[in-house]
C-alpha atoms as a PDB file:
ATOM      1  CA  MET A   1     -25.381 -27.995   4.774  1.00  0.00           C
ATOM      2  CA  GLY A   2     -22.699 -30.169   3.174  1.00  0.00           C
ATOM      3  CA  ALA A   3     -22.822 -28.265  -0.114  1.00  0.00           C
ATOM      4  CA  SER A   4     -22.550 -24.967   1.753  1.00  0.00           C
ATOM      5  CA  GLN A   5     -19.507 -26.170   3.700  1.00  0.00           C
ATOM      6  CA  THR A   6     -17.876 -27.406   0.499  1.00  0.00           C
ATOM      7  CA  ARG A   7     -18.487 -24.066  -1.191  1.00  0.00           C
ATOM      8  CA  THR A   8     -16.996 -22.194   1.786  1.00  0.00           C
ATOM      9  CA  GLY A   9     -14.011 -24.542   1.820  1.00  0.00           C
ATOM     10  CA  ASN A  10     -13.418 -24.049  -1.891  1.00  0.00           C
ATOM     11  CA  GLU A  11     -13.663 -20.283  -1.492  1.00  0.00           C
ATOM     12  CA  HIS A  12     -11.121 -20.324   1.338  1.00  0.00           C
ATOM     13  CA  GLN A  13      -8.754 -22.490  -0.695  1.00  0.00           C
ATOM     14  CA  HIS A  14      -9.058 -20.101  -3.636  1.00  0.00           C
ATOM     15  CA  LEU A  15      -8.249 -17.132  -1.399  1.00  0.00           C
ATOM     16  CA  MET A  16      -5.396 -19.004   0.292  1.00  0.00           C
ATOM     17  CA  ASP A  17      -3.834 -19.831  -3.082  1.00  0.00           C
ATOM     18  CA  LYS A  18      -4.270 -16.272  -4.333  1.00  0.00           C
ATOM     19  CA  THR A  19      -3.063 -14.359  -1.275  1.00  0.00           C
ATOM     20  CA  GLY A  20      -0.817 -16.697   0.713  1.00  0.00           C
ATOM     21  CA  PHE A  21      -2.927 -16.295   3.850  1.00  0.00           C
ATOM     22  CA  SER A  22      -3.891 -19.325   5.933  1.00  0.00           C
ATOM     23  CA  SER A  23      -7.527 -20.318   6.440  1.00  0.00           C
ATOM     24  CA  GLU A  24      -7.412 -18.963  10.001  1.00  0.00           C
ATOM     25  CA  GLN A  25      -5.955 -15.656   8.864  1.00  0.00           C
ATOM     26  CA  ILE A  26      -8.675 -15.320   6.234  1.00  0.00           C
ATOM     27  CA  LYS A  27     -11.357 -15.957   8.879  1.00  0.00           C
ATOM     28  CA  ASN A  28      -9.865 -13.264  11.116  1.00  0.00           C
ATOM     29  CA  LEU A  29      -9.580 -10.785   8.268  1.00  0.00           C
ATOM     30  CA  ARG A  30     -13.168 -11.522   7.267  1.00  0.00           C
ATOM     31  CA  LYS A  31     -14.274 -10.520  10.772  1.00  0.00           C
ATOM     32  CA  ARG A  32     -12.345  -7.243  10.491  1.00  0.00           C
ATOM     33  CA  PHE A  33     -13.783  -6.609   7.034  1.00  0.00           C
ATOM     34  CA  LEU A  34     -17.336  -7.015   8.354  1.00  0.00           C
ATOM     35  CA  GLN A  35     -16.558  -4.719  11.288  1.00  0.00           C
ATOM     36  CA  LEU A  36     -15.369  -2.024   8.889  1.00  0.00           C
ATOM     37  CA  SER A  37     -18.227  -2.485   6.434  1.00  0.00           C
ATOM     38  CA  GLY A  38     -20.980  -2.702   9.039  1.00  0.00           C
ATOM     39  CA  ASN A  39     -21.696  -6.308   8.024  1.00  0.00           C
ATOM     40  CA  GLU A  40     -22.101  -5.313   4.375  1.00  0.00           C
ATOM     41  CA  GLU A  41     -20.517  -7.281   1.527  1.00  0.00           C
ATOM     42  CA  THR A  42     -18.582  -4.280   0.214  1.00  0.00           C
ATOM     43  CA  ILE A  43     -16.490  -1.472   1.681  1.00  0.00           C
ATOM     44  CA  SER A  44     -16.489   2.116   0.441  1.00  0.00           C
ATOM     45  CA  ARG A  45     -14.025   4.941   0.997  1.00  0.00           C
ATOM     46  CA  GLU A  46     -16.445   6.358   3.550  1.00  0.00           C
ATOM     47  CA  HIS A  47     -16.074   3.215   5.689  1.00  0.00           C
ATOM     48  CA  LEU A  48     -12.283   3.601   5.839  1.00  0.00           C
ATOM     49  CA  ASP A  49     -12.536   7.362   6.281  1.00  0.00           C
ATOM     50  CA  THR A  50     -14.157   6.836   9.694  1.00  0.00           C
ATOM     51  CA  ILE A  51     -11.263   4.826  11.172  1.00  0.00           C
ATOM     52  CA  PRO A  52     -10.081   6.900  14.180  1.00  0.00           C
ATOM     53  CA  ALA A  53      -6.417   5.874  13.876  1.00  0.00           C
ATOM     54  CA  LEU A  54      -6.319   7.265  10.330  1.00  0.00           C
ATOM     55  CA  ALA A  55      -7.663  10.687  11.268  1.00  0.00           C
ATOM     56  CA  GLU A  56      -4.272  12.320  11.875  1.00  0.00           C
ATOM     57  CA  ASN A  57      -2.285  10.341   9.316  1.00  0.00           C
ATOM     58  CA  PRO A  58      -0.730  12.835   6.851  1.00  0.00           C
ATOM     59  CA  ILE A  59      -1.123  10.438   3.917  1.00  0.00           C
ATOM     60  CA  LYS A  60      -4.593   9.264   4.868  1.00  0.00           C
ATOM     61  CA  ALA A  61      -5.956   9.928   1.367  1.00  0.00           C
ATOM     62  CA  GLN A  62      -3.237   7.840  -0.319  1.00  0.00           C
ATOM     63  CA  ILE A  63      -3.724   4.955   2.118  1.00  0.00           C
ATOM     64  CA  ILE A  64      -7.464   4.833   1.567  1.00  0.00           C
ATOM     65  CA  GLU A  65      -7.143   5.147  -2.195  1.00  0.00           C
ATOM     66  CA  ALA A  66      -4.684   2.231  -2.285  1.00  0.00           C
ATOM     67  CA  PHE A  67      -7.505  -0.118  -1.281  1.00  0.00           C
ATOM     68  CA  PHE A  68      -9.529   0.915  -4.339  1.00  0.00           C
ATOM     69  CA  ASP A  69      -6.664   1.107  -6.859  1.00  0.00           C
ATOM     70  CA  LYS A  70      -7.123  -1.669  -9.437  1.00  0.00           C
ATOM     71  CA  ARG A  71      -3.354  -1.806  -9.971  1.00  0.00           C
ATOM     72  CA  ASN A  72      -3.037  -3.400  -6.523  1.00  0.00           C
ATOM     73  CA  GLN A  73      -5.035  -6.464  -7.590  1.00  0.00           C
ATOM     74  CA  ARG A  74      -2.065  -8.072  -9.430  1.00  0.00           C
ATOM     75  CA  GLY A  75      -3.675  -7.458 -12.788  1.00  0.00           C
ATOM     76  CA  ASP A  76      -3.104  -5.200 -15.756  1.00  0.00           C
ATOM     77  CA  GLU A  77      -6.255  -3.165 -15.216  1.00  0.00           C
ATOM     78  CA  ALA A  78      -5.921   0.480 -14.189  1.00  0.00           C
ATOM     79  CA  GLY A  79      -8.453   2.781 -12.612  1.00  0.00           C
ATOM     80  CA  ALA A  80     -10.306   2.617  -9.329  1.00  0.00           C
ATOM     81  CA  PHE A  81     -13.189   0.736  -7.740  1.00  0.00           C
ATOM     82  CA  GLN A  82     -16.055   2.632  -6.166  1.00  0.00           C
ATOM     83  CA  GLU A  83     -16.413  -0.177  -3.625  1.00  0.00           C
ATOM     84  CA  ILE A  84     -14.473  -3.361  -2.947  1.00  0.00           C
ATOM     85  CA  GLY A  85     -15.513  -6.822  -1.810  1.00  0.00           C
ATOM     86  CA  PHE A  86     -13.675  -9.128   0.556  1.00  0.00           C
ATOM     87  CA  GLU A  87     -11.425 -10.657  -2.112  1.00  0.00           C
ATOM     88  CA  GLN A  88     -10.239  -7.231  -3.299  1.00  0.00           C
ATOM     89  CA  PHE A  89      -9.685  -6.267   0.346  1.00  0.00           C
ATOM     90  CA  LEU A  90      -7.527  -9.374   0.863  1.00  0.00           C
ATOM     91  CA  MET A  91      -5.515  -8.660  -2.273  1.00  0.00           C
ATOM     92  CA  VAL A  92      -4.499  -5.299  -0.835  1.00  0.00           C
ATOM     93  CA  MET A  93      -3.868  -6.739   2.619  1.00  0.00           C
ATOM     94  CA  CYS A  94      -1.506  -9.397   1.278  1.00  0.00           C
ATOM     95  CA  HIS A  95       0.972  -6.663   0.325  1.00  0.00           C
ATOM     96  CA  PHE A  96       1.592  -6.291   4.066  1.00  0.00           C
ATOM     97  CA  ARG A  97       2.142 -10.007   4.665  1.00  0.00           C
ATOM     98  CA  PRO A  98       5.684 -10.739   5.911  1.00  0.00           C
ATOM     99  CA  PRO A  99       7.848 -13.390   4.233  1.00  0.00           C
ATOM    100  CA  THR A 100       7.895 -16.870   5.722  1.00  0.00           C
ATOM    101  CA  LEU A 101      10.877 -19.041   6.608  1.00  0.00           C
ATOM    102  CA  LYS A 102       9.900 -21.484   3.859  1.00  0.00           C
ATOM    103  CA  MET A 103      10.255 -18.899   1.102  1.00  0.00           C
ATOM    104  CA  THR A 104      13.162 -19.115  -1.307  1.00  0.00           C
ATOM    105  CA  ALA A 105      15.385 -16.112  -1.990  1.00  0.00           C
ATOM    106  CA  GLU A 106      13.609 -15.647  -5.326  1.00  0.00           C
ATOM    107  CA  GLU A 107      10.172 -15.701  -3.671  1.00  0.00           C
ATOM    108  CA  LYS A 108      11.287 -13.169  -1.059  1.00  0.00           C
ATOM    109  CA  GLU A 109      12.626 -10.880  -3.766  1.00  0.00           C
ATOM    110  CA  ALA A 110       9.372 -11.173  -5.717  1.00  0.00           C
ATOM    111  CA  MET A 111       7.420 -10.264  -2.575  1.00  0.00           C
ATOM    112  CA  ARG A 112       9.670  -7.267  -1.938  1.00  0.00           C
ATOM    113  CA  LYS A 113       9.138  -6.073  -5.494  1.00  0.00           C
ATOM    114  CA  GLU A 114       5.357  -6.333  -5.045  1.00  0.00           C
ATOM    115  CA  LYS A 115       5.592  -4.260  -1.872  1.00  0.00           C
ATOM    116  CA  LEU A 116       7.669  -1.631  -3.660  1.00  0.00           C
ATOM    117  CA  ARG A 117       5.214  -1.539  -6.558  1.00  0.00           C
ATOM    118  CA  PHE A 118       2.373  -1.044  -4.059  1.00  0.00           C
ATOM    119  CA  LEU A 119       4.196   1.926  -2.489  1.00  0.00           C
ATOM    120  CA  PHE A 120       5.042   3.321  -5.913  1.00  0.00           C
ATOM    121  CA  ASN A 121       1.386   3.141  -6.963  1.00  0.00           C
ATOM    122  CA  MET A 122       0.395   5.112  -3.872  1.00  0.00           C
ATOM    123  CA  HIS A 123       2.493   8.044  -5.048  1.00  0.00           C
ATOM    124  CA  ASP A 124       1.960   7.673  -8.803  1.00  0.00           C
ATOM    125  CA  THR A 125      -1.553   9.017  -8.458  1.00  0.00           C
ATOM    126  CA  ASP A 126      -2.207   9.606 -12.171  1.00  0.00           C
ATOM    127  CA  ASN A 127      -0.916   6.143 -13.180  1.00  0.00           C
ATOM    128  CA  ASP A 128       1.493   7.431 -15.824  1.00  0.00           C
ATOM    129  CA  GLY A 129       4.437   5.297 -14.673  1.00  0.00           C
ATOM    130  CA  THR A 130       6.354   8.096 -12.977  1.00  0.00           C
ATOM    131  CA  ILE A 131       6.185   9.946  -9.681  1.00  0.00           C
ATOM    132  CA  THR A 132       6.330  13.545 -10.850  1.00  0.00           C
ATOM    133  CA  LEU A 133       7.608  16.518  -8.894  1.00  0.00           C
ATOM    134  CA  GLU A 134       4.027  17.602  -8.284  1.00  0.00           C
ATOM    135  CA  GLU A 135       3.038  14.186  -6.897  1.00  0.00           C
ATOM    136  CA  TYR A 136       6.213  13.909  -4.826  1.00  0.00           C
ATOM    137  CA  ARG A 137       5.840  17.458  -3.540  1.00  0.00           C
ATOM    138  CA  LYS A 138       2.275  16.771  -2.427  1.00  0.00           C
ATOM    139  CA  VAL A 139       3.341  13.766  -0.350  1.00  0.00           C
ATOM    140  CA  VAL A 140       6.314  15.546   1.230  1.00  0.00           C
ATOM    141  CA  GLU A 141       4.266  18.645   1.973  1.00  0.00           C
ATOM    142  CA  GLU A 142       1.594  16.562   3.694  1.00  0.00           C
ATOM    143  CA  LEU A 143       4.154  14.616   5.709  1.00  0.00           C
ATOM    144  CA  LEU A 144       6.051  17.710   6.830  1.00  0.00           C
ATOM    145  CA  SER A 145       3.618  20.603   7.000  1.00  0.00           C
ATOM    146  CA  LYS A 146       0.887  18.647   8.809  1.00  0.00           C
ATOM    147  CA  SER A 147       3.321  17.737  11.537  1.00  0.00           C
ATOM    148  CA  GLY A 148       3.165  21.384  12.559  1.00  0.00           C
ATOM    149  CA  ALA A 149       6.952  21.613  12.713  1.00  0.00           C
ATOM    150  CA  ILE A 150       7.462  23.622   9.511  1.00  0.00           C
ATOM    151  CA  GLY A 151       5.464  25.795   7.163  1.00  0.00           C
ATOM    152  CA  GLN A 152       4.074  25.019   3.721  1.00  0.00           C
ATOM    153  CA  GLU A 153       6.765  26.937   1.814  1.00  0.00           C
ATOM    154  CA  THR A 154       9.566  25.178   3.669  1.00  0.00           C
ATOM    155  CA  ALA A 155       7.962  21.793   3.005  1.00  0.00           C
ATOM    156  CA  GLU A 156       7.701  22.631  -0.700  1.00  0.00           C
ATOM    157  CA  ALA A 157      11.368  23.697  -0.825  1.00  0.00           C
ATOM    158  CA  ILE A 158      12.433  20.422   0.839  1.00  0.00           C
ATOM    159  CA  ALA A 159      10.388  18.414  -1.664  1.00  0.00           C
ATOM    160  CA  ASP A 160      11.921  20.276  -4.608  1.00  0.00           C
ATOM    161  CA  ALA A 161      15.457  19.815  -3.266  1.00  0.00           C
ATOM    162  CA  ALA A 162      14.829  16.098  -2.664  1.00  0.00           C
ATOM    163  CA  MET A 163      13.554  15.621  -6.217  1.00  0.00           C
ATOM    164  CA  LEU A 164      16.610  17.429  -7.644  1.00  0.00           C
ATOM    165  CA  GLU A 165      18.842  15.093  -5.644  1.00  0.00           C
ATOM    166  CA  VAL A 166      16.978  12.085  -7.045  1.00  0.00           C
ATOM    167  CA  ALA A 167      17.347  13.523 -10.564  1.00  0.00           C
ATOM    168  CA  SER A 168      21.084  14.069 -10.180  1.00  0.00           C
ATOM    169  CA  THR A 169      21.508  10.507  -8.860  1.00  0.00           C
ATOM    170  CA  ASN A 170      19.471   8.798 -11.574  1.00  0.00           C
ATOM    171  CA  VAL A 171      20.352  11.074 -14.484  1.00  0.00           C
ATOM    172  CA  PRO A 172      23.834  12.302 -13.539  1.00  0.00           C
ATOM    173  CA  HIS A 173      24.597  13.815 -16.950  1.00  0.00           C
ATOM    174  CA  MET A 174      21.368  15.764 -17.297  1.00  0.00           C
ATOM    175  CA  ALA A 175      21.929  19.198 -18.817  1.00  0.00           C
ATOM    176  CA  PRO A 176      20.850  22.307 -16.857  1.00  0.00           C
ATOM    177  CA  ASP A 177      18.030  23.025 -19.287  1.00  0.00           C
ATOM    178  CA  GLU A 178      16.711  19.430 -19.299  1.00  0.00           C
ATOM    179  CA  PHE A 179      13.470  18.592 -17.513  1.00  0.00           C
ATOM    180  CA  TYR A 180      13.375  15.636 -15.149  1.00  0.00           C
ATOM    181  CA  GLU A 181      10.106  13.866 -15.877  1.00  0.00           C
ATOM    182  CA  GLY A 182       9.982  12.067 -12.559  1.00  0.00           C
ATOM    183  CA  ILE A 183      10.852   8.927 -10.636  1.00  0.00           C
ATOM    184  CA  THR A 184      10.290   5.739 -12.601  1.00  0.00           C
ATOM    185  CA  PHE A 185       9.698   2.434 -10.847  1.00  0.00           C
ATOM    186  CA  GLN A 186      13.282   1.422 -11.674  1.00  0.00           C
ATOM    187  CA  HIS A 187      14.549   4.611 -10.007  1.00  0.00           C
ATOM    188  CA  PHE A 188      12.221   3.961  -7.070  1.00  0.00           C
ATOM    189  CA  GLU A 189      13.669   0.469  -6.596  1.00  0.00           C
ATOM    190  CA  GLN A 190      17.185   1.884  -6.646  1.00  0.00           C
ATOM    191  CA  ILE A 191      16.359   4.620  -4.136  1.00  0.00           C
ATOM    192  CA  LEU A 192      14.960   2.062  -1.670  1.00  0.00           C
ATOM    193  CA  LYS A 193      17.552  -0.628  -2.366  1.00  0.00           C
ATOM    194  CA  GLY A 194      18.565  -2.331   0.867  1.00  0.00           C
ATOM    195  CA  LEU A 195      15.721  -0.783   2.869  1.00  0.00           C
ATOM    196  CA  GLU A 196      14.069  -3.279   5.207  1.00  0.00           C
ATOM    197  CA  MET A 197      10.388  -3.294   4.263  1.00  0.00           C
ATOM    198  CA  GLU A 198       8.573  -5.489   6.791  1.00  0.00           C
ATOM    199  CA  SER A 199       8.594  -3.133   9.778  1.00  0.00           C
ATOM    200  CA  ARG A 200       7.809  -0.123   7.605  1.00  0.00           C
ATOM    201  CA  MET A 201       4.830  -1.593   5.796  1.00  0.00           C
ATOM    202  CA  ASN A 202       2.318  -1.982   8.600  1.00  0.00           C
ATOM    203  CA  ILE A 203      -1.418  -1.434   8.853  1.00  0.00           C
ATOM    204  CA  ARG A 204      -1.872  -0.849  12.569  1.00  0.00           C
ATOM    205  CA  PHE A 205      -4.580   1.713  11.746  1.00  0.00           C
ATOM    206  CA  LEU A 206      -6.786  -1.278  10.844  1.00  0.00           C
ATOM    207  CA  ASP A 207      -6.039  -2.882  14.227  1.00  0.00           C
ATOM    208  CA  VAL A 208      -4.427  -5.807  12.435  1.00  0.00           C
ATOM    209  CA  ASP A 209      -1.074  -7.179  13.582  1.00  0.00           C
ATOM    210  CA  THR A 210       0.958  -7.484  10.396  1.00  0.00           C
ATOM    211  CA  THR A 211       3.375  -9.956  11.949  1.00  0.00           C
ATOM    212  CA  THR A 212       0.743 -12.602  12.599  1.00  0.00           C
ATOM    213  CA  MET A 213      -2.005 -11.011  10.474  1.00  0.00           C
ATOM    214  CA  ARG A 214      -4.551 -11.545  13.236  1.00  0.00           C
ATOM    215  CA  CYS A 215      -7.410  -9.160  13.934  1.00  0.00           C
ATOM    216  CA  GLY A 216      -7.168  -7.044  17.040  1.00  0.00           C
ATOM    217  CA  ARG A 217      -4.324  -5.200  18.681  1.00  0.00           C
ATOM    218  CA  SER A 218      -1.079  -6.950  19.376  1.00  0.00           C
ATOM    219  CA  THR A 219      -0.638  -7.829  23.030  1.00  0.00           C
ATOM    220  CA  SER A 220       3.108  -8.099  22.838  1.00  0.00           C
END
């Protein structure tokens, strides 16, 4: 019994150090993980695909894939997992953790950069370091056309116009015959400079309150 408790305590401390979550938050997230996985030790895309709140989300595929993207594990490895365990799940979840009052300005900036990198990875689907017109168009089309407000061709035209605006902003002296390869992470940071991230990066579809990071719906 004592050895088991020590092992559990060491595991929690390891996860706390790695993710910034408290022991209580990790316990709550473990419960949600087991609910999603059906009490299995790993989660697959199929488990997340059945979440009702994700059904109508226009970027459902990108959200699900983000959980299996190895780039979101704070390492140099690229590619994707077929299934993820609890630690990998936590590593993705910590991108949604809000800053604390104890954080320094440098720590808050580092956290913001991690959040931006996470969002960038969601759109850079081929992991080539740029969000191409094709990748950007796909996201915009899904966001706009699936709302039912406009048609596919209109959504595509809006995506193309938006990318041209980004190109003219980031490469102002680009010649008419030059090809804009796409949005780099540096361009992405500049585009979203000054944007408040905390309220926009939420995971309510998992029934997790991202302010307190507790399982279950917020009662506020």
